[in-house]
């Protein structure tokens, strides 16, 4: 029995609903603070088709985690202002209460959190934590839930499942704890899985194993996957599409291969340039994006990236660019007045090179 065999009737019906699985329209999530209103997510719109994978990329504070929690309905109840539309399988979920969302969590939407050590209950055995959603959402007996928990551990490539089921989280390695989180998230066969920085605390080898496992399960189950990360390298080979966020806004979105082949947003260019390269000499200085992310209580008037952008002009500081599709590719959209490759971009680069003495 594989993870996919726990899929229930509700999810079979969801797959029959026509249209995209996820539709966001002008989603805004703001938090009331003593300093003022923090615009953590500020007007994000996109769609995600069934069975597709989307990488949401950006620096810390860009709004990517708050966006995923907004979709899941995992936000504080006090001091939070939400607006816009979030439709899941044709049903509006953006205005549902936590009580209503409990019928969706696990069965239809699930989430893998960033730190499994703080997400897993330290006082419960692994087997009980995996079995709990199976009994709660699928109505399994104690014996069936225990047997399914064992098979789930096998599906996520954890050896000696009988021994692991009896262990507590602190008795397992970071990679194994993350695999347990994946097993819990996929236990009830969700239609969409959100993975929030699932490999941050893991070494490079284990990161690759976890990402491969997520991709394998997504393809086997025709499940939609939203992978939230700060690293463009993580999503490069594991997603169908990439959405880049900055300052609470979506600044570029495109199919993965096309984004890397012809990125338009200077911020996306900066993220890619900051990734260490194998051909770089040992102890080489890493490329960084200068400056700091914008203050989301008082964001810049124009483009939110303009204060850090080496190619910004007066227009960038005064007018906020809309998210528009490229002329030759309707699936590739960006928010920039002078995108990478434009005449203005090349002029700005020439000025920068001339001031640095580069031919």
Protein backbone atom coordinates (compact mmCIF):
# COMPACT_ATOMS: atom_id res chain seq x y z
CA UNK A 1 0.00 0.00 0.00
CA UNK A 2 1.41 3.40 -0.95
CA UNK A 3 0.61 6.87 0.30
CA UNK A 4 -1.72 7.35 -2.64
CA UNK A 5 -3.99 4.53 -1.49
CA UNK A 6 -5.26 6.60 1.46
CA UNK A 7 -6.98 9.09 -0.88
CA UNK A 8 -10.66 9.46 0.04
CA UNK A 9 -13.89 10.06 -1.89
CA UNK A 10 -13.80 13.81 -1.24
CA UNK A 11 -10.50 14.17 -3.05
CA UNK A 12 -11.68 12.06 -5.99
CA UNK A 13 -14.56 14.51 -6.32
CA UNK A 14 -12.18 17.47 -6.10
CA UNK A 15 -10.20 16.18 -9.06
CA UNK A 16 -13.39 16.14 -11.11
CA UNK A 17 -14.08 19.84 -10.52
CA UNK A 18 -13.12 21.73 -13.72
CA UNK A 19 -10.65 24.61 -13.71
CA UNK A 20 -7.46 25.32 -11.75
CA UNK A 21 -6.95 23.75 -8.34
CA UNK A 22 -5.89 27.05 -6.76
CA UNK A 23 -6.93 30.57 -7.78
CA UNK A 24 -5.71 33.67 -5.91
CA UNK A 25 -7.12 37.09 -6.73
CA UNK A 26 -5.70 40.25 -5.09
CA UNK A 27 -4.87 38.45 -1.83
CA UNK A 28 -3.82 40.78 0.96
CA UNK A 29 -2.73 39.87 4.49
CA UNK A 30 -1.95 42.77 6.80
CA UNK A 31 -1.04 42.78 10.48
CA UNK A 32 -1.92 45.55 12.94
CA UNK A 33 1.11 46.53 15.05
CA UNK A 34 2.01 49.49 17.32
CA UNK A 35 4.10 50.89 14.43
CA UNK A 36 1.22 50.64 11.97
CA UNK A 37 -0.17 48.21 9.41
CA UNK A 38 2.38 45.65 8.16
CA UNK A 39 1.51 44.78 4.54
CA UNK A 40 3.00 41.27 4.60
CA UNK A 41 1.11 40.13 1.48
CA UNK A 42 -0.07 43.00 -0.67
CA UNK A 43 -2.17 42.11 -3.70
CA UNK A 44 -1.00 38.69 -4.96
CA UNK A 45 -2.83 36.93 -7.81
CA UNK A 46 -2.01 33.66 -9.59
CA UNK A 47 -3.43 30.25 -10.49
CA UNK A 48 -2.06 26.74 -9.98
CA UNK A 49 -3.24 23.89 -12.17
CA UNK A 50 -3.89 20.40 -10.83
CA UNK A 51 -0.86 18.16 -10.53
CA UNK A 52 1.57 21.05 -11.10
CA UNK A 53 4.37 22.21 -8.82
CA UNK A 54 5.04 25.87 -7.98
CA UNK A 55 8.10 27.32 -6.29
CA UNK A 56 7.55 30.53 -4.30
CA UNK A 57 10.95 32.21 -3.92
CA UNK A 58 12.17 35.28 -2.07
CA UNK A 59 14.31 36.61 0.76
CA UNK A 60 13.27 36.40 4.39
CA UNK A 61 10.48 38.91 4.87
CA UNK A 62 9.31 38.81 1.24
CA UNK A 63 5.90 37.41 2.25
CA UNK A 64 6.21 33.90 0.86
CA UNK A 65 5.50 32.05 4.12
CA UNK A 66 2.64 34.38 5.07
CA UNK A 67 1.16 33.80 1.61
CA UNK A 68 1.20 30.02 2.03
CA UNK A 69 -0.26 30.31 5.53
CA UNK A 70 -2.93 32.66 4.17
CA UNK A 71 -3.96 30.01 1.64
CA UNK A 72 -4.02 27.35 4.36
CA UNK A 73 -5.88 29.59 6.81
CA UNK A 74 -3.07 29.31 9.39
CA UNK A 75 -2.95 32.94 10.52
CA UNK A 76 -3.33 34.60 13.92
CA UNK A 77 -6.95 35.43 14.64
CA UNK A 78 -6.15 38.74 16.36
CA UNK A 79 -4.60 41.73 14.66
CA UNK A 80 -4.89 40.23 11.17
CA UNK A 81 -6.66 41.81 8.19
CA UNK A 82 -7.37 39.57 5.19
CA UNK A 83 -8.95 40.40 1.85
CA UNK A 84 -9.08 39.07 -1.69
CA UNK A 85 -10.21 35.72 -3.02
CA UNK A 86 -8.64 32.29 -2.45
CA UNK A 87 -10.48 29.56 -4.36
CA UNK A 88 -9.55 25.93 -3.88
CA UNK A 89 -11.09 23.43 -6.33
CA UNK A 90 -13.72 26.03 -7.17
CA UNK A 91 -14.64 26.74 -3.52
CA UNK A 92 -13.88 30.01 -1.75
CA UNK A 93 -11.70 29.23 1.30
CA UNK A 94 -10.22 32.68 2.00
CA UNK A 95 -13.10 33.64 4.30
CA UNK A 96 -13.45 30.33 6.15
CA UNK A 97 -12.92 30.12 9.90
CA UNK A 98 -10.40 27.77 11.54
CA UNK A 99 -13.29 25.50 12.54
CA UNK A 100 -14.37 25.23 8.90
CA UNK A 101 -10.79 24.76 7.68
CA UNK A 102 -10.29 21.77 9.98
CA UNK A 103 -12.37 19.75 7.52
CA UNK A 104 -9.95 20.74 4.73
CA UNK A 105 -6.61 20.46 6.54
CA UNK A 106 -5.01 17.10 6.07
CA UNK A 107 -7.63 15.69 3.71
CA UNK A 108 -7.42 18.32 0.97
CA UNK A 109 -4.57 20.68 1.87
CA UNK A 110 -1.55 19.81 4.00
CA UNK A 111 1.63 21.59 5.04
CA UNK A 112 5.20 20.58 5.82
CA UNK A 113 6.65 23.14 8.21
CA UNK A 114 10.18 24.48 8.20
CA UNK A 115 11.48 22.96 11.44
CA UNK A 116 10.24 19.41 12.14
CA UNK A 117 11.73 19.44 15.64
CA UNK A 118 9.34 22.21 16.73
CA UNK A 119 6.44 20.95 14.58
CA UNK A 120 6.41 17.39 15.94
CA UNK A 121 5.03 16.78 19.42
CA UNK A 122 8.02 15.87 21.64
CA UNK A 123 5.77 13.94 24.05
CA UNK A 124 4.16 11.64 21.46
CA UNK A 125 5.66 8.61 19.78
CA UNK A 126 6.12 8.88 16.00
CA UNK A 127 3.56 6.15 15.34
CA UNK A 128 0.87 7.97 17.33
CA UNK A 129 1.55 11.25 15.52
CA UNK A 130 1.16 9.65 12.09
CA UNK A 131 -1.91 7.66 13.13
CA UNK A 132 -3.74 10.64 14.63
CA UNK A 133 -4.87 12.29 11.34
CA UNK A 134 -5.74 8.89 9.87
CA UNK A 135 -8.16 8.21 12.72
CA UNK A 136 -9.47 11.78 12.86
CA UNK A 137 -10.04 12.43 9.14
CA UNK A 138 -10.46 8.95 7.66
CA UNK A 139 -12.12 7.22 10.59
CA UNK A 140 -9.61 4.35 10.68
CA UNK A 141 -9.50 1.93 13.57
CA UNK A 142 -6.48 1.96 15.86
CA UNK A 143 -5.09 -1.20 14.24
CA UNK A 144 -5.60 0.04 10.66
CA UNK A 145 -4.07 3.42 11.47
CA UNK A 146 -1.01 1.74 12.99
CA UNK A 147 -0.58 -0.50 9.95
CA UNK A 148 -0.95 2.46 7.59
CA UNK A 149 1.56 4.49 9.64
CA UNK A 150 4.09 1.71 9.18
CA UNK A 151 3.54 1.68 5.41
CA UNK A 152 3.83 5.48 5.29
CA UNK A 153 7.27 5.30 6.91
CA UNK A 154 8.29 2.78 4.27
CA UNK A 155 6.98 5.09 1.54
CA UNK A 156 9.18 7.94 2.79
CA UNK A 157 12.22 5.63 2.85
CA UNK A 158 12.66 5.30 6.62
CA UNK A 159 14.36 1.99 7.48
CA UNK A 160 13.25 -0.22 10.37
CA UNK A 161 9.74 1.29 10.49
CA UNK A 162 8.58 -0.83 13.46
CA UNK A 163 11.38 0.52 15.63
CA UNK A 164 10.92 4.09 14.43
CA UNK A 165 7.18 4.07 15.17
CA UNK A 166 7.96 3.55 18.86
CA UNK A 167 10.54 6.36 19.01
CA UNK A 168 10.14 10.01 19.99
CA UNK A 169 11.22 12.89 17.69
CA UNK A 170 14.43 13.61 19.63
CA UNK A 171 15.64 10.07 18.92
CA UNK A 172 15.73 10.67 15.15
CA UNK A 173 18.03 12.67 12.88
CA UNK A 174 16.94 15.90 11.20
CA UNK A 175 16.48 14.14 7.86
CA UNK A 176 14.35 11.40 9.40
CA UNK A 177 12.20 13.93 11.28
CA UNK A 178 11.55 15.73 8.01
CA UNK A 179 10.54 12.43 6.39
CA UNK A 180 8.13 11.84 9.27
CA UNK A 181 6.64 15.30 8.62
CA UNK A 182 6.16 14.36 4.97
CA UNK A 183 4.47 11.10 5.99
CA UNK A 184 2.08 12.97 8.31
CA UNK A 185 1.30 15.59 5.66
CA UNK A 186 0.52 12.97 3.01
CA UNK A 187 -1.21 10.47 5.30
CA UNK A 188 -4.74 11.45 4.26
CA UNK A 189 -3.90 11.90 0.57
CA UNK A 190 -4.16 15.70 0.19
CA UNK A 191 -4.79 17.24 -3.21
CA UNK A 192 -2.33 20.07 -2.53
CA UNK A 193 0.82 20.03 -0.41
CA UNK A 194 2.60 23.15 0.86
CA UNK A 195 6.27 22.69 1.83
CA UNK A 196 7.67 25.68 3.72
CA UNK A 197 11.48 25.64 3.53
CA UNK A 198 11.48 21.83 3.97
CA UNK A 199 15.26 21.46 3.55
CA UNK A 200 16.69 24.52 5.36
CA UNK A 201 18.17 22.67 8.36
CA UNK A 202 19.45 19.68 6.37
CA UNK A 203 22.82 19.00 4.78
CA UNK A 204 23.09 19.08 0.98
CA UNK A 205 22.85 15.31 0.45
CA UNK A 206 19.74 14.96 2.61
CA UNK A 207 18.22 18.06 0.95
CA UNK A 208 18.43 16.35 -2.43
CA UNK A 209 16.85 13.18 -1.05
CA UNK A 210 13.92 15.08 0.50
CA UNK A 211 13.29 17.09 -2.69
CA UNK A 212 13.44 13.96 -4.82
CA UNK A 213 11.01 12.24 -2.45
CA UNK A 214 8.54 15.14 -2.66
CA UNK A 215 8.74 15.13 -6.46
CA UNK A 216 8.29 11.37 -6.64
CA UNK A 217 5.18 11.42 -4.43
CA UNK A 218 3.71 14.37 -6.32
CA UNK A 219 4.02 12.57 -9.66
CA UNK A 220 2.71 9.27 -8.33
CA UNK A 221 -0.38 10.89 -6.81
CA UNK A 222 -0.97 13.73 -9.31
CA UNK A 223 -0.73 16.08 -6.35
CA UNK A 224 -0.12 19.81 -6.60
CA UNK A 225 2.97 21.00 -4.71
CA UNK A 226 3.84 24.50 -3.52
CA UNK A 227 7.51 24.67 -2.51
CA UNK A 228 8.41 27.77 -0.47
CA UNK A 229 12.11 28.63 -0.33
CA UNK A 230 14.66 31.46 -0.43
CA UNK A 231 16.91 29.47 -2.79
CA UNK A 232 16.36 29.54 -6.54
CA UNK A 233 18.67 26.54 -6.80
CA UNK A 234 16.24 24.40 -4.76
CA UNK A 235 13.32 24.99 -7.12
CA UNK A 236 15.34 24.82 -10.35
CA UNK A 237 14.91 21.09 -10.90
CA UNK A 238 11.88 20.40 -8.74
CA UNK A 239 9.08 22.71 -9.91
CA UNK A 240 7.09 23.39 -13.06
CA UNK A 241 6.68 27.11 -12.35
CA UNK A 242 8.34 29.76 -10.19
CA UNK A 243 6.77 32.79 -8.52
CA UNK A 244 9.24 35.37 -7.16
CA UNK A 245 8.08 37.56 -4.27
CA UNK A 246 9.56 40.78 -2.95
CA UNK A 247 8.16 43.16 -0.35
CA UNK A 248 4.86 41.30 -0.11
CA UNK A 249 4.27 41.41 -3.86
CA UNK A 250 4.63 39.03 -6.77
CA UNK A 251 7.35 40.48 -9.02
CA UNK A 252 7.91 37.67 -11.55
CA UNK A 253 6.20 34.39 -12.49
CA UNK A 254 7.04 31.98 -15.30
CA UNK A 255 7.55 28.31 -16.15
CA UNK A 256 10.79 27.25 -14.48
CA UNK A 257 12.88 26.62 -17.60
CA UNK A 258 11.76 29.86 -19.24
CA UNK A 259 12.46 31.89 -16.11
CA UNK A 260 16.07 30.69 -15.97
CA UNK A 261 16.47 31.13 -19.72
CA UNK A 262 15.18 34.72 -19.81
CA UNK A 263 14.49 36.25 -16.39
CA UNK A 264 13.15 39.79 -16.50
CA UNK A 265 13.18 41.13 -12.95
CA UNK A 266 16.52 42.50 -11.67
CA UNK A 267 15.63 41.09 -8.25
CA UNK A 268 15.40 37.58 -9.74
CA UNK A 269 18.75 38.20 -11.42
CA UNK A 270 20.22 39.16 -8.04
CA UNK A 271 18.87 36.02 -6.36
CA UNK A 272 20.42 33.84 -9.05
CA UNK A 273 23.77 35.65 -8.86
CA UNK A 274 23.92 35.11 -5.09
CA UNK A 275 23.98 31.31 -5.44
CA UNK A 276 27.53 29.91 -4.92
CA UNK A 277 28.99 28.30 -8.07
CA UNK A 278 31.14 25.19 -8.27
CA UNK A 279 33.60 26.91 -10.59
CA UNK A 280 34.24 29.75 -8.11
CA UNK A 281 37.62 29.68 -6.38
CA UNK A 282 37.74 28.60 -2.75
CA UNK A 283 36.96 31.44 -0.29
CA UNK A 284 35.61 33.64 -3.07
CA UNK A 285 33.41 36.48 -1.86
CA UNK A 286 29.72 35.72 -2.44
CA UNK A 287 27.58 38.05 -4.50
CA UNK A 288 24.95 39.85 -2.44
CA UNK A 289 22.02 42.15 -3.13
CA UNK A 290 22.97 45.43 -1.45
CA UNK A 291 20.69 47.18 1.00
CA UNK A 292 17.81 45.83 3.05
CA UNK A 293 14.27 44.63 2.26
CA UNK A 294 11.64 47.39 2.40
CA UNK A 295 9.82 48.45 5.55
CA UNK A 296 6.35 46.98 4.97
CA UNK A 297 4.77 49.54 7.30
CA UNK A 298 6.03 52.36 5.06
CA UNK A 299 6.95 50.78 1.71
CA UNK A 300 8.58 52.85 -1.05
CA UNK A 301 6.28 54.89 -3.26
CA UNK A 302 7.31 53.29 -6.56
CA UNK A 303 8.90 49.92 -7.19
CA UNK A 304 9.67 48.33 -3.83
CA UNK A 305 12.98 47.01 -5.14
CA UNK A 306 14.08 50.39 -6.55
CA UNK A 307 16.20 51.46 -3.51
CA UNK A 308 18.35 48.32 -3.97
CA UNK A 309 18.23 48.03 -7.76
CA UNK A 310 21.41 49.08 -9.62
CA UNK A 311 19.37 49.88 -12.73
CA UNK A 312 16.64 52.01 -11.12
CA UNK A 313 15.69 55.38 -12.65
CA UNK A 314 13.56 58.28 -11.45
CA UNK A 315 10.44 56.57 -12.81
CA UNK A 316 11.14 53.47 -10.70
CA UNK A 317 11.14 55.59 -7.53
CA UNK A 318 7.87 57.33 -8.40
CA UNK A 319 5.66 54.78 -10.20
CA UNK A 320 4.91 51.22 -9.14
CA UNK A 321 5.21 48.88 -12.15
CA UNK A 322 2.26 46.53 -12.75
CA UNK A 323 2.67 42.79 -13.16
CA UNK A 324 2.42 42.29 -16.92
CA UNK A 325 3.05 39.43 -19.33
CA UNK A 326 5.89 39.52 -21.83
CA UNK A 327 4.91 40.18 -25.45
CA UNK A 328 6.09 36.81 -26.75
CA UNK A 329 5.18 34.65 -23.72
CA UNK A 330 1.82 35.15 -21.96
CA UNK A 331 2.86 32.70 -19.21
CA UNK A 332 5.84 34.87 -18.21
CA UNK A 333 4.89 37.99 -16.24
CA UNK A 334 7.03 40.53 -14.39
CA UNK A 335 6.80 43.87 -12.57
CA UNK A 336 9.58 46.12 -13.85
CA UNK A 337 9.78 49.27 -15.96
CA UNK A 338 13.21 48.37 -17.36
CA UNK A 339 13.44 44.55 -17.39
CA UNK A 340 16.59 42.52 -17.90
CA UNK A 341 17.50 42.64 -21.59
CA UNK A 342 15.76 45.95 -22.36
CA UNK A 343 17.73 48.86 -23.94
CA UNK A 344 17.46 50.82 -20.69
CA UNK A 345 18.85 47.84 -18.76
CA UNK A 346 21.88 47.59 -21.08
CA UNK A 347 22.48 51.35 -20.82
CA UNK A 348 22.44 51.12 -17.02
CA UNK A 349 24.84 48.17 -17.06
CA UNK A 350 27.19 50.06 -19.35
CA UNK A 351 27.21 52.98 -16.90
CA UNK A 352 27.88 50.67 -13.97
CA UNK A 353 30.73 48.91 -15.81
CA UNK A 354 32.24 52.24 -16.90
CA UNK A 355 32.23 53.56 -13.32
CA UNK A 356 33.87 50.33 -12.15
CA UNK A 357 36.48 50.49 -14.91
CA UNK A 358 35.21 47.33 -16.63
CA UNK A 359 35.41 47.22 -20.40
